[in-house]
């Protein structure tokens, strides 16, 4: 599965952050999100996904909890250096890393976990 498949099958914007867990010993971070799965062109169903970041190189979070986990825009992309980049509070909605992005995770590997426990490595 690649990022394009993820974007084609899920509406990631206007979701909710359920949890962010960081394991400093393993350099991993898991981000659980409530998003919408695309059923048909105009039909969506809420579902939970988990983004599992391995070999994390950077995390930046400054949160005041005013939105209670809700977010409107998302940046999830693979950068030119092959690292995955997530921002759940991007400075703009171009789906490109920006210096002023917030809630940022950068890692070398990314897996996607669905409710059923299935894992897919994102390429």
PDB file of N, CA and C in Angstrom:
ATOM      1  N   UNK A   1       0.848  -1.169   0.000  1.00  0.00           N
ATOM      2  CA  UNK A   1       0.000   0.000   0.000  1.00  0.00           C
ATOM      3  C   UNK A   1       0.897   1.237   0.000  1.00  0.00           C
ATOM      4  N   UNK A   2       0.510   2.229  -0.789  1.00  0.00           N
ATOM      5  CA  UNK A   2       1.270   3.476  -0.784  1.00  0.00           C
ATOM      6  C   UNK A   2       0.384   4.613  -0.272  1.00  0.00           C
ATOM      7  N   UNK A   3       0.953   5.788  -0.138  1.00  0.00           N
ATOM      8  CA  UNK A   3       0.205   6.928   0.388  1.00  0.00           C
ATOM      9  C   UNK A   3      -0.980   7.289  -0.496  1.00  0.00           C
ATOM     10  N   UNK A   4      -0.845   7.134  -1.794  1.00  0.00           N
ATOM     11  CA  UNK A   4      -1.948   7.437  -2.707  1.00  0.00           C
ATOM     12  C   UNK A   4      -3.135   6.511  -2.434  1.00  0.00           C
ATOM     13  N   UNK A   5      -2.856   5.215  -2.189  1.00  0.00           N
ATOM     14  CA  UNK A   5      -3.927   4.271  -1.836  1.00  0.00           C
ATOM     15  C   UNK A   5      -4.631   4.709  -0.557  1.00  0.00           C
ATOM     16  N   UNK A   6      -3.850   5.149   0.416  1.00  0.00           N
ATOM     17  CA  UNK A   6      -4.417   5.598   1.678  1.00  0.00           C
ATOM     18  C   UNK A   6      -5.348   6.792   1.453  1.00  0.00           C
ATOM     19  N   UNK A   7      -4.890   7.781   0.686  1.00  0.00           N
ATOM     20  CA  UNK A   7      -5.707   8.961   0.411  1.00  0.00           C
ATOM     21  C   UNK A   7      -6.934   8.621  -0.439  1.00  0.00           C
ATOM     22  N   UNK A   8      -6.820   7.635  -1.330  1.00  0.00           N
ATOM     23  CA  UNK A   8      -7.953   7.246  -2.171  1.00  0.00           C
ATOM     24  C   UNK A   8      -9.031   6.502  -1.388  1.00  0.00           C
ATOM     25  N   UNK A   9      -8.655   5.831  -0.306  1.00  0.00           N
ATOM     26  CA  UNK A   9      -9.599   5.004   0.444  1.00  0.00           C
ATOM     27  C   UNK A   9     -10.080   5.624   1.748  1.00  0.00           C
ATOM     28  N   UNK A  10      -9.437   6.703   2.189  1.00  0.00           N
ATOM     29  CA  UNK A  10      -9.785   7.326   3.464  1.00  0.00           C
ATOM     30  C   UNK A  10      -9.772   8.840   3.329  1.00  0.00           C
ATOM     31  N   UNK A  11     -10.768   9.485   3.946  1.00  0.00           N
ATOM     32  CA  UNK A  11     -10.768  10.940   4.069  1.00  0.00           C
ATOM     33  C   UNK A  11     -10.091  11.246   5.395  1.00  0.00           C
ATOM     34  N   UNK A  12      -8.836  11.678   5.346  1.00  0.00           N
ATOM     35  CA  UNK A  12      -8.037  11.875   6.550  1.00  0.00           C
ATOM     36  C   UNK A  12      -8.260  13.242   7.192  1.00  0.00           C
ATOM     37  N   UNK A  13      -8.738  14.216   6.423  1.00  0.00           N
ATOM     38  CA  UNK A  13      -8.966  15.549   6.990  1.00  0.00           C
ATOM     39  C   UNK A  13     -10.230  15.536   7.851  1.00  0.00           C
ATOM     40  N   UNK A  14     -10.393  16.563   8.665  1.00  0.00           N
ATOM     41  CA  UNK A  14     -11.554  16.695   9.548  1.00  0.00           C
ATOM     42  C   UNK A  14     -11.748  15.457  10.429  1.00  0.00           C
ATOM     43  N   UNK A  15     -10.672  15.014  11.038  1.00  0.00           N
ATOM     44  CA  UNK A  15     -10.727  13.831  11.902  1.00  0.00           C
ATOM     45  C   UNK A  15     -10.494  14.176  13.362  1.00  0.00           C
ATOM     46  N   UNK A  16     -10.206  13.136  14.135  1.00  0.00           N
ATOM     47  CA  UNK A  16      -9.934  13.309  15.558  1.00  0.00           C
ATOM     48  C   UNK A  16      -8.689  12.521  15.936  1.00  0.00           C
ATOM     49  N   UNK A  17      -7.840  13.142  16.739  1.00  0.00           N
ATOM     50  CA  UNK A  17      -6.692  12.446  17.309  1.00  0.00           C
ATOM     51  C   UNK A  17      -7.195  11.712  18.553  1.00  0.00           C
ATOM     52  N   UNK A  18      -7.085  10.390  18.544  1.00  0.00           N
ATOM     53  CA  UNK A  18      -7.504   9.598  19.695  1.00  0.00           C
ATOM     54  C   UNK A  18      -6.358   9.427  20.677  1.00  0.00           C
ATOM     55  N   UNK A  19      -5.152   9.201  20.158  1.00  0.00           N
ATOM     56  CA  UNK A  19      -3.985   9.090  21.041  1.00  0.00           C
ATOM     57  C   UNK A  19      -2.708   9.200  20.234  1.00  0.00           C
ATOM     58  N   UNK A  20      -1.666   9.618  20.936  1.00  0.00           N
ATOM     59  CA  UNK A  20      -0.303   9.626  20.400  1.00  0.00           C
ATOM     60  C   UNK A  20       0.570   8.988  21.476  1.00  0.00           C
ATOM     61  N   UNK A  21       1.239   7.895  21.127  1.00  0.00           N
ATOM     62  CA  UNK A  21       2.113   7.189  22.068  1.00  0.00           C
ATOM     63  C   UNK A  21       3.523   7.151  21.507  1.00  0.00           C
ATOM     64  N   UNK A  22       4.485   7.508  22.346  1.00  0.00           N
ATOM     65  CA  UNK A  22       5.885   7.539  21.940  1.00  0.00           C
ATOM     66  C   UNK A  22       6.661   6.550  22.796  1.00  0.00           C
ATOM     67  N   UNK A  23       7.472   5.718  22.153  1.00  0.00           N
ATOM     68  CA  UNK A  23       8.375   4.808  22.856  1.00  0.00           C
ATOM     69  C   UNK A  23       9.798   5.276  22.557  1.00  0.00           C
ATOM     70  N   UNK A  24      10.401   5.912  23.552  1.00  0.00           N
ATOM     71  CA  UNK A  24      11.721   6.502  23.352  1.00  0.00           C
ATOM     72  C   UNK A  24      12.813   5.453  23.210  1.00  0.00           C
ATOM     73  N   UNK A  25      12.628   4.285  23.790  1.00  0.00           N
ATOM     74  CA  UNK A  25      13.643   3.228  23.691  1.00  0.00           C
ATOM     75  C   UNK A  25      13.654   2.572  22.316  1.00  0.00           C
ATOM     76  N   UNK A  26      12.465   2.446  21.714  1.00  0.00           N
ATOM     77  CA  UNK A  26      12.366   1.790  20.407  1.00  0.00           C
ATOM     78  C   UNK A  26      12.326   2.773  19.239  1.00  0.00           C
ATOM     79  N   UNK A  27      12.323   4.077  19.534  1.00  0.00           N
ATOM     80  CA  UNK A  27      12.219   5.109  18.490  1.00  0.00           C
ATOM     81  C   UNK A  27      10.958   4.908  17.651  1.00  0.00           C
ATOM     82  N   UNK A  28       9.822   4.652  18.322  1.00  0.00           N
ATOM     83  CA  UNK A  28       8.560   4.458  17.627  1.00  0.00           C
ATOM     84  C   UNK A  28       7.513   5.436  18.151  1.00  0.00           C
ATOM     85  N   UNK A  29       6.510   5.652  17.331  1.00  0.00           N
ATOM     86  CA  UNK A  29       5.391   6.511  17.705  1.00  0.00           C
ATOM     87  C   UNK A  29       4.142   5.966  17.023  1.00  0.00           C
ATOM     88  N   UNK A  30       3.072   5.811  17.780  1.00  0.00           N
ATOM     89  CA  UNK A  30       1.807   5.395  17.182  1.00  0.00           C
ATOM     90  C   UNK A  30       0.804   6.531  17.340  1.00  0.00           C
ATOM     91  N   UNK A  31       0.062   6.779  16.275  1.00  0.00           N
ATOM     92  CA  UNK A  31      -0.935   7.836  16.248  1.00  0.00           C
ATOM     93  C   UNK A  31      -2.266   7.202  15.851  1.00  0.00           C
ATOM     94  N   UNK A  32      -3.208   7.194  16.786  1.00  0.00           N
ATOM     95  CA  UNK A  32      -4.544   6.658  16.509  1.00  0.00           C
ATOM     96  C   UNK A  32      -5.453   7.803  16.114  1.00  0.00           C
ATOM     97  N   UNK A  33      -6.142   7.624  14.972  1.00  0.00           N
ATOM     98  CA  UNK A  33      -7.003   8.670  14.424  1.00  0.00           C
ATOM     99  C   UNK A  33      -8.395   8.123  14.131  1.00  0.00           C
ATOM    100  N   UNK A  34      -9.390   8.962  14.305  1.00  0.00           N
ATOM    101  CA  UNK A  34     -10.739   8.665  13.853  1.00  0.00           C
ATOM    102  C   UNK A  34     -10.909   9.418  12.540  1.00  0.00           C
ATOM    103  N   UNK A  35     -11.073   8.663  11.450  1.00  0.00           N
ATOM    104  CA  UNK A  35     -11.159   9.241  10.108  1.00  0.00           C
ATOM    105  C   UNK A  35     -12.416   8.689   9.428  1.00  0.00           C
ATOM    106  N   UNK A  36     -12.538   8.926   8.138  1.00  0.00           N
ATOM    107  CA  UNK A  36     -13.684   8.415   7.380  1.00  0.00           C
ATOM    108  C   UNK A  36     -13.196   7.546   6.232  1.00  0.00           C
ATOM    109  N   UNK A  37     -13.726   6.333   6.175  1.00  0.00           N
ATOM    110  CA  UNK A  37     -13.415   5.410   5.077  1.00  0.00           C
ATOM    111  C   UNK A  37     -14.368   5.704   3.930  1.00  0.00           C
ATOM    112  N   UNK A  38     -13.824   5.763   2.715  1.00  0.00           N
ATOM    113  CA  UNK A  38     -14.628   6.006   1.531  1.00  0.00           C
ATOM    114  C   UNK A  38     -15.356   4.726   1.149  1.00  0.00           C
ATOM    115  N   UNK A  39     -16.690   4.761   1.166  1.00  0.00           N
ATOM    116  CA  UNK A  39     -17.503   3.618   0.761  1.00  0.00           C
ATOM    117  C   UNK A  39     -17.859   3.749  -0.719  1.00  0.00           C
ATOM    118  N   UNK A  40     -18.299   4.924  -1.113  1.00  0.00           N
ATOM    119  CA  UNK A  40     -18.553   5.255  -2.512  1.00  0.00           C
ATOM    120  C   UNK A  40     -18.249   6.743  -2.676  1.00  0.00           C
ATOM    121  N   UNK A  41     -18.542   7.288  -3.851  1.00  0.00           N
ATOM    122  CA  UNK A  41     -18.122   8.661  -4.141  1.00  0.00           C
ATOM    123  C   UNK A  41     -18.568   9.670  -3.091  1.00  0.00           C
ATOM    124  N   UNK A  42     -19.775   9.543  -2.543  1.00  0.00           N
ATOM    125  CA  UNK A  42     -20.268  10.512  -1.567  1.00  0.00           C
ATOM    126  C   UNK A  42     -20.661   9.866  -0.246  1.00  0.00           C
ATOM    127  N   UNK A  43     -20.264   8.612  -0.040  1.00  0.00           N
ATOM    128  CA  UNK A  43     -20.632   7.904   1.189  1.00  0.00           C
ATOM    129  C   UNK A  43     -19.362   7.548   1.964  1.00  0.00           C
ATOM    130  N   UNK A  44     -19.343   7.939   3.240  1.00  0.00           N
ATOM    131  CA  UNK A  44     -18.197   7.691   4.107  1.00  0.00           C
ATOM    132  C   UNK A  44     -18.681   7.031   5.395  1.00  0.00           C
ATOM    133  N   UNK A  45     -17.795   6.263   6.024  1.00  0.00           N
ATOM    134  CA  UNK A  45     -18.089   5.648   7.314  1.00  0.00           C
ATOM    135  C   UNK A  45     -16.923   5.945   8.253  1.00  0.00           C
ATOM    136  N   UNK A  46     -17.243   6.423   9.461  1.00  0.00           N
ATOM    137  CA  UNK A  46     -16.184   6.691  10.436  1.00  0.00           C
ATOM    138  C   UNK A  46     -15.491   5.393  10.808  1.00  0.00           C
ATOM    139  N   UNK A  47     -14.170   5.475  10.940  1.00  0.00           N
ATOM    140  CA  UNK A  47     -13.402   4.314  11.359  1.00  0.00           C
ATOM    141  C   UNK A  47     -12.114   4.776  12.021  1.00  0.00           C
ATOM    142  N   UNK A  48     -11.499   3.878  12.746  1.00  0.00           N
ATOM    143  CA  UNK A  48     -10.247   4.166  13.438  1.00  0.00           C
ATOM    144  C   UNK A  48      -9.096   3.532  12.669  1.00  0.00           C
ATOM    145  N   UNK A  49      -8.034   4.306  12.511  1.00  0.00           N
ATOM    146  CA  UNK A  49      -6.797   3.766  11.955  1.00  0.00           C
ATOM    147  C   UNK A  49      -5.669   4.131  12.914  1.00  0.00           C
ATOM    148  N   UNK A  50      -4.582   3.409  12.797  1.00  0.00           N
ATOM    149  CA  UNK A  50      -3.401   3.710  13.602  1.00  0.00           C
ATOM    150  C   UNK A  50      -2.207   3.802  12.671  1.00  0.00           C
ATOM    151  N   UNK A  51      -1.498   4.919  12.744  1.00  0.00           N
ATOM    152  CA  UNK A  51      -0.268   5.113  11.992  1.00  0.00           C
ATOM    153  C   UNK A  51       0.878   4.737  12.915  1.00  0.00           C
ATOM    154  N   UNK A  52       1.678   3.770  12.504  1.00  0.00           N
ATOM    155  CA  UNK A  52       2.801   3.281  13.309  1.00  0.00           C
ATOM    156  C   UNK A  52       4.096   3.738  12.663  1.00  0.00           C
ATOM    157  N   UNK A  53       4.749   4.676  13.316  1.00  0.00           N
ATOM    158  CA  UNK A  53       6.004   5.230  12.810  1.00  0.00           C
ATOM    159  C   UNK A  53       7.168   4.513  13.485  1.00  0.00           C
ATOM    160  N   UNK A  54       8.058   3.936  12.686  1.00  0.00           N
ATOM    161  CA  UNK A  54       9.253   3.258  13.193  1.00  0.00           C
ATOM    162  C   UNK A  54      10.487   4.044  12.779  1.00  0.00           C
ATOM    163  N   UNK A  55      11.528   3.944  13.616  1.00  0.00           N
ATOM    164  CA  UNK A  55      12.756   4.693  13.395  1.00  0.00           C
ATOM    165  C   UNK A  55      12.471   6.194  13.325  1.00  0.00           C
ATOM    166  N   UNK A  56      11.767   6.672  14.334  1.00  0.00           N
ATOM    167  CA  UNK A  56      11.389   8.083  14.410  1.00  0.00           C
ATOM    168  C   UNK A  56      12.645   8.939  14.551  1.00  0.00           C
ATOM    169  N   UNK A  57      12.692  10.013  13.765  1.00  0.00           N
ATOM    170  CA  UNK A  57      13.831  10.928  13.812  1.00  0.00           C
ATOM    171  C   UNK A  57      13.473  12.274  14.416  1.00  0.00           C
ATOM    172  N   UNK A  58      12.166  12.597  14.464  1.00  0.00           N
ATOM    173  CA  UNK A  58      11.767  13.897  14.989  1.00  0.00           C
ATOM    174  C   UNK A  58      10.299  13.867  15.406  1.00  0.00           C
ATOM    175  N   UNK A  59      10.003  14.478  16.542  1.00  0.00           N
ATOM    176  CA  UNK A  59       8.628  14.696  16.994  1.00  0.00           C
ATOM    177  C   UNK A  59       8.550  16.115  17.537  1.00  0.00           C
ATOM    178  N   UNK A  60       7.535  16.859  17.103  1.00  0.00           N
ATOM    179  CA  UNK A  60       7.313  18.220  17.595  1.00  0.00           C
ATOM    180  C   UNK A  60       5.839  18.370  17.929  1.00  0.00           C
ATOM    181  N   UNK A  61       5.541  18.620  19.204  1.00  0.00           N
ATOM    182  CA  UNK A  61       4.154  18.792  19.627  1.00  0.00           C
ATOM    183  C   UNK A  61       4.070  19.966  20.598  1.00  0.00           C
ATOM    184  N   UNK A  62       3.200  20.896  20.266  1.00  0.00           N
ATOM    185  CA  UNK A  62       2.844  21.981  21.175  1.00  0.00           C
ATOM    186  C   UNK A  62       1.326  22.041  21.142  1.00  0.00           C
ATOM    187  N   UNK A  63       0.686  21.623  22.216  1.00  0.00           N
ATOM    188  CA  UNK A  63      -0.771  21.465  22.198  1.00  0.00           C
ATOM    189  C   UNK A  63      -1.397  22.100  23.429  1.00  0.00           C
ATOM    190  N   UNK A  64      -2.481  22.853  23.224  1.00  0.00           N
ATOM    191  CA  UNK A  64      -3.193  23.464  24.340  1.00  0.00           C
ATOM    192  C   UNK A  64      -4.554  22.793  24.592  1.00  0.00           C
ATOM    193  N   UNK A  65      -4.899  21.788  23.818  1.00  0.00           N
ATOM    194  CA  UNK A  65      -6.089  20.949  24.002  1.00  0.00           C
ATOM    195  C   UNK A  65      -7.405  21.712  23.848  1.00  0.00           C
ATOM    196  N   UNK A  66      -7.385  22.841  23.166  1.00  0.00           N
ATOM    197  CA  UNK A  66      -8.623  23.592  22.915  1.00  0.00           C
ATOM    198  C   UNK A  66      -9.567  22.851  21.982  1.00  0.00           C
ATOM    199  N   UNK A  67      -9.018  22.062  21.059  1.00  0.00           N
ATOM    200  CA  UNK A  67      -9.861  21.376  20.070  1.00  0.00           C
ATOM    201  C   UNK A  67     -10.255  19.976  20.523  1.00  0.00           C
ATOM    202  N   UNK A  68      -9.795  19.550  21.669  1.00  0.00           N
ATOM    203  CA  UNK A  68     -10.106  18.229  22.224  1.00  0.00           C
ATOM    204  C   UNK A  68      -9.796  17.111  21.226  1.00  0.00           C
ATOM    205  N   UNK A  69      -8.714  17.273  20.481  1.00  0.00           N
ATOM    206  CA  UNK A  69      -8.260  16.243  19.555  1.00  0.00           C
ATOM    207  C   UNK A  69      -8.739  16.399  18.135  1.00  0.00           C
ATOM    208  N   UNK A  70      -9.689  17.284  17.889  1.00  0.00           N
ATOM    209  CA  UNK A  70     -10.181  17.472  16.523  1.00  0.00           C
ATOM    210  C   UNK A  70      -9.130  18.212  15.693  1.00  0.00           C
ATOM    211  N   UNK A  71      -9.055  17.847  14.427  1.00  0.00           N
ATOM    212  CA  UNK A  71      -8.172  18.557  13.508  1.00  0.00           C
ATOM    213  C   UNK A  71      -8.881  18.700  12.165  1.00  0.00           C
ATOM    214  N   UNK A  72      -8.513  19.725  11.401  1.00  0.00           N
ATOM    215  CA  UNK A  72      -9.161  19.935  10.105  1.00  0.00           C
ATOM    216  C   UNK A  72      -8.269  19.491   8.953  1.00  0.00           C
ATOM    217  N   UNK A  73      -7.027  19.900   8.974  1.00  0.00           N
ATOM    218  CA  UNK A  73      -6.114  19.570   7.875  1.00  0.00           C
ATOM    219  C   UNK A  73      -5.055  18.585   8.345  1.00  0.00           C
ATOM    220  N   UNK A  74      -4.458  17.918   7.381  1.00  0.00           N
ATOM    221  CA  UNK A  74      -3.401  16.946   7.663  1.00  0.00           C
ATOM    222  C   UNK A  74      -2.368  17.029   6.550  1.00  0.00           C
ATOM    223  N   UNK A  75      -1.122  16.873   6.932  1.00  0.00           N
ATOM    224  CA  UNK A  75      -0.056  16.684   5.961  1.00  0.00           C
ATOM    225  C   UNK A  75       0.537  15.313   6.247  1.00  0.00           C
ATOM    226  N   UNK A  76       0.454  14.417   5.294  1.00  0.00           N
ATOM    227  CA  UNK A  76       1.069  13.100   5.384  1.00  0.00           C
ATOM    228  C   UNK A  76       1.703  12.825   4.037  1.00  0.00           C
ATOM    229  N   UNK A  77       3.029  12.821   4.019  1.00  0.00           N
ATOM    230  CA  UNK A  77       3.738  12.709   2.757  1.00  0.00           C
ATOM    231  C   UNK A  77       5.067  11.997   2.959  1.00  0.00           C
ATOM    232  N   UNK A  78       5.663  11.589   1.855  1.00  0.00           N
ATOM    233  CA  UNK A  78       7.012  11.021   1.867  1.00  0.00           C
ATOM    234  C   UNK A  78       7.932  12.074   1.272  1.00  0.00           C
ATOM    235  N   UNK A  79       8.903  12.494   2.055  1.00  0.00           N
ATOM    236  CA  UNK A  79       9.802  13.563   1.626  1.00  0.00           C
ATOM    237  C   UNK A  79      10.860  13.033   0.655  1.00  0.00           C
ATOM    238  N   UNK A  80      11.586  13.939   0.037  1.00  0.00           N
ATOM    239  CA  UNK A  80      12.639  13.565  -0.915  1.00  0.00           C
ATOM    240  C   UNK A  80      13.718  12.702  -0.283  1.00  0.00           C
ATOM    241  N   UNK A  81      13.930  12.840   1.029  1.00  0.00           N
ATOM    242  CA  UNK A  81      14.943  12.027   1.706  1.00  0.00           C
ATOM    243  C   UNK A  81      14.392  10.659   2.131  1.00  0.00           C
ATOM    244  N   UNK A  82      13.190  10.305   1.647  1.00  0.00           N
ATOM    245  CA  UNK A  82      12.509   9.026   1.903  1.00  0.00           C
ATOM    246  C   UNK A  82      11.911   8.912   3.294  1.00  0.00           C
ATOM    247  N   UNK A  83      11.963   9.964   4.096  1.00  0.00           N
ATOM    248  CA  UNK A  83      11.308   9.952   5.399  1.00  0.00           C
ATOM    249  C   UNK A  83       9.826  10.281   5.240  1.00  0.00           C
ATOM    250  N   UNK A  84       9.014   9.672   6.095  1.00  0.00           N
ATOM    251  CA  UNK A  84       7.599  10.001   6.146  1.00  0.00           C
ATOM    252  C   UNK A  84       7.407  11.191   7.073  1.00  0.00           C
ATOM    253  N   UNK A  85       6.482  12.054   6.717  1.00  0.00           N
ATOM    254  CA  UNK A  85       6.243  13.287   7.452  1.00  0.00           C
ATOM    255  C   UNK A  85       4.748  13.411   7.723  1.00  0.00           C
ATOM    256  N   UNK A  86       4.388  13.538   9.001  1.00  0.00           N
ATOM    257  CA  UNK A  86       3.004  13.751   9.408  1.00  0.00           C
ATOM    258  C   UNK A  86       2.906  15.052  10.179  1.00  0.00           C
ATOM    259  N   UNK A  87       1.922  15.862   9.845  1.00  0.00           N
ATOM    260  CA  UNK A  87       1.543  17.006  10.679  1.00  0.00           C
ATOM    261  C   UNK A  87       0.031  17.006  10.798  1.00  0.00           C
ATOM    262  N   UNK A  88      -0.454  17.025  12.028  1.00  0.00           N
ATOM    263  CA  UNK A  88      -1.896  17.084  12.269  1.00  0.00           C
ATOM    264  C   UNK A  88      -2.346  18.511  12.580  1.00  0.00           C
ATOM    265  N   UNK A  89      -1.440  19.452  12.455  1.00  0.00           N
ATOM    266  CA  UNK A  89      -1.749  20.873  12.593  1.00  0.00           C
ATOM    267  C   UNK A  89      -0.831  21.641  11.644  1.00  0.00           C
ATOM    268  N   UNK A  90      -1.019  21.402  10.326  1.00  0.00           N
ATOM    269  CA  UNK A  90      -0.113  22.049   9.364  1.00  0.00           C
ATOM    270  C   UNK A  90      -0.370  23.544   9.249  1.00  0.00           C
ATOM    271  N   UNK A  91       0.696  24.256   8.940  1.00  0.00           N
ATOM    272  CA  UNK A  91       0.632  25.707   8.784  1.00  0.00           C
ATOM    273  C   UNK A  91      -0.254  26.086   7.591  1.00  0.00           C
ATOM    274  N   UNK A  92      -0.221  25.283   6.539  1.00  0.00           N
ATOM    275  CA  UNK A  92      -1.093  25.486   5.383  1.00  0.00           C
ATOM    276  C   UNK A  92      -1.517  24.108   4.869  1.00  0.00           C
ATOM    277  N   UNK A  93      -2.428  24.089   3.944  1.00  0.00           N
ATOM    278  CA  UNK A  93      -2.958  22.800   3.500  1.00  0.00           C
ATOM    279  C   UNK A  93      -2.442  22.386   2.119  1.00  0.00           C
ATOM    280  N   UNK A  94      -1.158  22.509   1.906  1.00  0.00           N
ATOM    281  CA  UNK A  94      -0.539  22.122   0.640  1.00  0.00           C
ATOM    282  C   UNK A  94      -0.053  20.671   0.637  1.00  0.00           C
ATOM    283  N   UNK A  95      -0.174  19.969   1.778  1.00  0.00           N
ATOM    284  CA  UNK A  95       0.358  18.623   1.959  1.00  0.00           C
ATOM    285  C   UNK A  95       1.873  18.583   1.724  1.00  0.00           C
ATOM    286  N   UNK A  96       2.521  19.655   2.146  1.00  0.00           N
ATOM    287  CA  UNK A  96       3.980  19.746   2.089  1.00  0.00           C
ATOM    288  C   UNK A  96       4.479  20.211   3.457  1.00  0.00           C
ATOM    289  N   UNK A  97       5.599  19.677   3.922  1.00  0.00           N
ATOM    290  CA  UNK A  97       6.152  20.120   5.206  1.00  0.00           C
ATOM    291  C   UNK A  97       6.428  21.621   5.206  1.00  0.00           C
ATOM    292  N   UNK A  98       6.061  22.263   6.302  1.00  0.00           N
ATOM    293  CA  UNK A  98       6.298  23.690   6.499  1.00  0.00           C
ATOM    294  C   UNK A  98       7.004  23.894   7.835  1.00  0.00           C
ATOM    295  N   UNK A  99       7.805  24.909   7.932  1.00  0.00           N
ATOM    296  CA  UNK A  99       8.562  25.192   9.156  1.00  0.00           C
ATOM    297  C   UNK A  99       7.653  25.403  10.372  1.00  0.00           C
ATOM    298  N   UNK A 100       6.467  25.977  10.165  1.00  0.00           N
ATOM    299  CA  UNK A 100       5.565  26.297  11.274  1.00  0.00           C
ATOM    300  C   UNK A 100       4.527  25.207  11.552  1.00  0.00           C
ATOM    301  N   UNK A 101       4.671  24.023  10.971  1.00  0.00           N
ATOM    302  CA  UNK A 101       3.743  22.924  11.247  1.00  0.00           C
ATOM    303  C   UNK A 101       3.824  22.517  12.714  1.00  0.00           C
ATOM    304  N   UNK A 102       2.743  21.935  13.212  1.00  0.00           N
ATOM    305  CA  UNK A 102       2.690  21.456  14.588  1.00  0.00           C
ATOM    306  C   UNK A 102       2.173  20.020  14.591  1.00  0.00           C
ATOM    307  N   UNK A 103       2.333  19.363  15.713  1.00  0.00           N
ATOM    308  CA  UNK A 103       2.014  17.938  15.886  1.00  0.00           C
ATOM    309  C   UNK A 103       2.651  17.170  14.724  1.00  0.00           C
ATOM    310  N   UNK A 104       3.971  17.155  14.734  1.00  0.00           N
ATOM    311  CA  UNK A 104       4.774  16.596  13.647  1.00  0.00           C
ATOM    312  C   UNK A 104       5.466  15.320  14.101  1.00  0.00           C
ATOM    313  N   UNK A 105       5.435  14.306  13.225  1.00  0.00           N
ATOM    314  CA  UNK A 105       6.205  13.076  13.418  1.00  0.00           C
ATOM    315  C   UNK A 105       6.942  12.797  12.110  1.00  0.00           C
ATOM    316  N   UNK A 106       8.243  12.531  12.210  1.00  0.00           N
ATOM    317  CA  UNK A 106       9.058  12.187  11.044  1.00  0.00           C
ATOM    318  C   UNK A 106       9.727  10.856  11.332  1.00  0.00           C
ATOM    319  N   UNK A 107       9.669   9.932  10.361  1.00  0.00           N
ATOM    320  CA  UNK A 107      10.269   8.609  10.573  1.00  0.00           C
ATOM    321  C   UNK A 107      10.695   7.997   9.248  1.00  0.00           C
ATOM    322  N   UNK A 108      11.489   6.924   9.367  1.00  0.00           N
ATOM    323  CA  UNK A 108      11.963   6.201   8.185  1.00  0.00           C
ATOM    324  C   UNK A 108      10.955   5.177   7.673  1.00  0.00           C
ATOM    325  N   UNK A 109      10.131   4.623   8.560  1.00  0.00           N
ATOM    326  CA  UNK A 109       9.166   3.592   8.190  1.00  0.00           C
ATOM    327  C   UNK A 109       7.789   3.961   8.696  1.00  0.00           C
ATOM    328  N   UNK A 110       6.767   3.583   7.943  1.00  0.00           N
ATOM    329  CA  UNK A 110       5.384   3.836   8.336  1.00  0.00           C
ATOM    330  C   UNK A 110       4.541   2.612   8.026  1.00  0.00           C
ATOM    331  N   UNK A 111       3.771   2.187   9.023  1.00  0.00           N
ATOM    332  CA  UNK A 111       2.800   1.110   8.837  1.00  0.00           C
ATOM    333  C   UNK A 111       1.435   1.640   9.211  1.00  0.00           C
ATOM    334  N   UNK A 112       0.420   1.064   8.591  1.00  0.00           N
ATOM    335  CA  UNK A 112      -0.953   1.423   8.863  1.00  0.00           C
ATOM    336  C   UNK A 112      -1.638   0.221   9.482  1.00  0.00           C
ATOM    337  N   UNK A 113      -2.333   0.442  10.597  1.00  0.00           N
ATOM    338  CA  UNK A 113      -3.054  -0.634  11.273  1.00  0.00           C
ATOM    339  C   UNK A 113      -4.535  -0.298  11.267  1.00  0.00           C
ATOM    340  N   UNK A 114      -5.346  -1.279  10.865  1.00  0.00           N
ATOM    341  CA  UNK A 114      -6.790  -1.118  10.856  1.00  0.00           C
ATOM    342  C   UNK A 114      -7.388  -1.753  12.102  1.00  0.00           C
ATOM    343  N   UNK A 115      -8.678  -1.515  12.338  1.00  0.00           N
ATOM    344  CA  UNK A 115      -9.380  -2.062  13.503  1.00  0.00           C
ATOM    345  C   UNK A 115      -9.193  -3.567  13.651  1.00  0.00           C
ATOM    346  N   UNK A 116      -9.134  -4.270  12.556  1.00  0.00           N
ATOM    347  CA  UNK A 116      -9.043  -5.728  12.600  1.00  0.00           C
ATOM    348  C   UNK A 116      -7.648  -6.218  12.956  1.00  0.00           C
ATOM    349  N   UNK A 117      -6.713  -5.315  13.167  1.00  0.00           N
ATOM    350  CA  UNK A 117      -5.357  -5.701  13.519  1.00  0.00           C
ATOM    351  C   UNK A 117      -4.463  -5.945  12.326  1.00  0.00           C
ATOM    352  N   UNK A 118      -4.952  -5.666  11.132  1.00  0.00           N
ATOM    353  CA  UNK A 118      -4.149  -5.844   9.934  1.00  0.00           C
ATOM    354  C   UNK A 118      -3.140  -4.710   9.815  1.00  0.00           C
ATOM    355  N   UNK A 119      -1.897  -5.057   9.477  1.00  0.00           N
ATOM    356  CA  UNK A 119      -0.842  -4.064   9.292  1.00  0.00           C
ATOM    357  C   UNK A 119      -0.458  -4.017   7.810  1.00  0.00           C
ATOM    358  N   UNK A 120      -0.262  -2.818   7.304  1.00  0.00           N
ATOM    359  CA  UNK A 120       0.210  -2.631   5.938  1.00  0.00           C
ATOM    360  C   UNK A 120       1.363  -1.658   5.977  1.00  0.00           C
ATOM    361  N   UNK A 121       2.484  -2.050   5.398  1.00  0.00           N
ATOM    362  CA  UNK A 121       3.607  -1.120   5.301  1.00  0.00           C
ATOM    363  C   UNK A 121       3.331  -0.147   4.180  1.00  0.00           C
ATOM    364  N   UNK A 122       3.532   1.126   4.458  1.00  0.00           N
ATOM    365  CA  UNK A 122       3.300   2.180   3.473  1.00  0.00           C
ATOM    366  C   UNK A 122       4.610   2.424   2.728  1.00  0.00           C
ATOM    367  N   UNK A 123       4.493   2.515   1.427  1.00  0.00           N
ATOM    368  CA  UNK A 123       5.704   2.772   0.621  1.00  0.00           C
ATOM    369  C   UNK A 123       5.636   4.145  -0.012  1.00  0.00           C
TER     370      UNK A 123
END
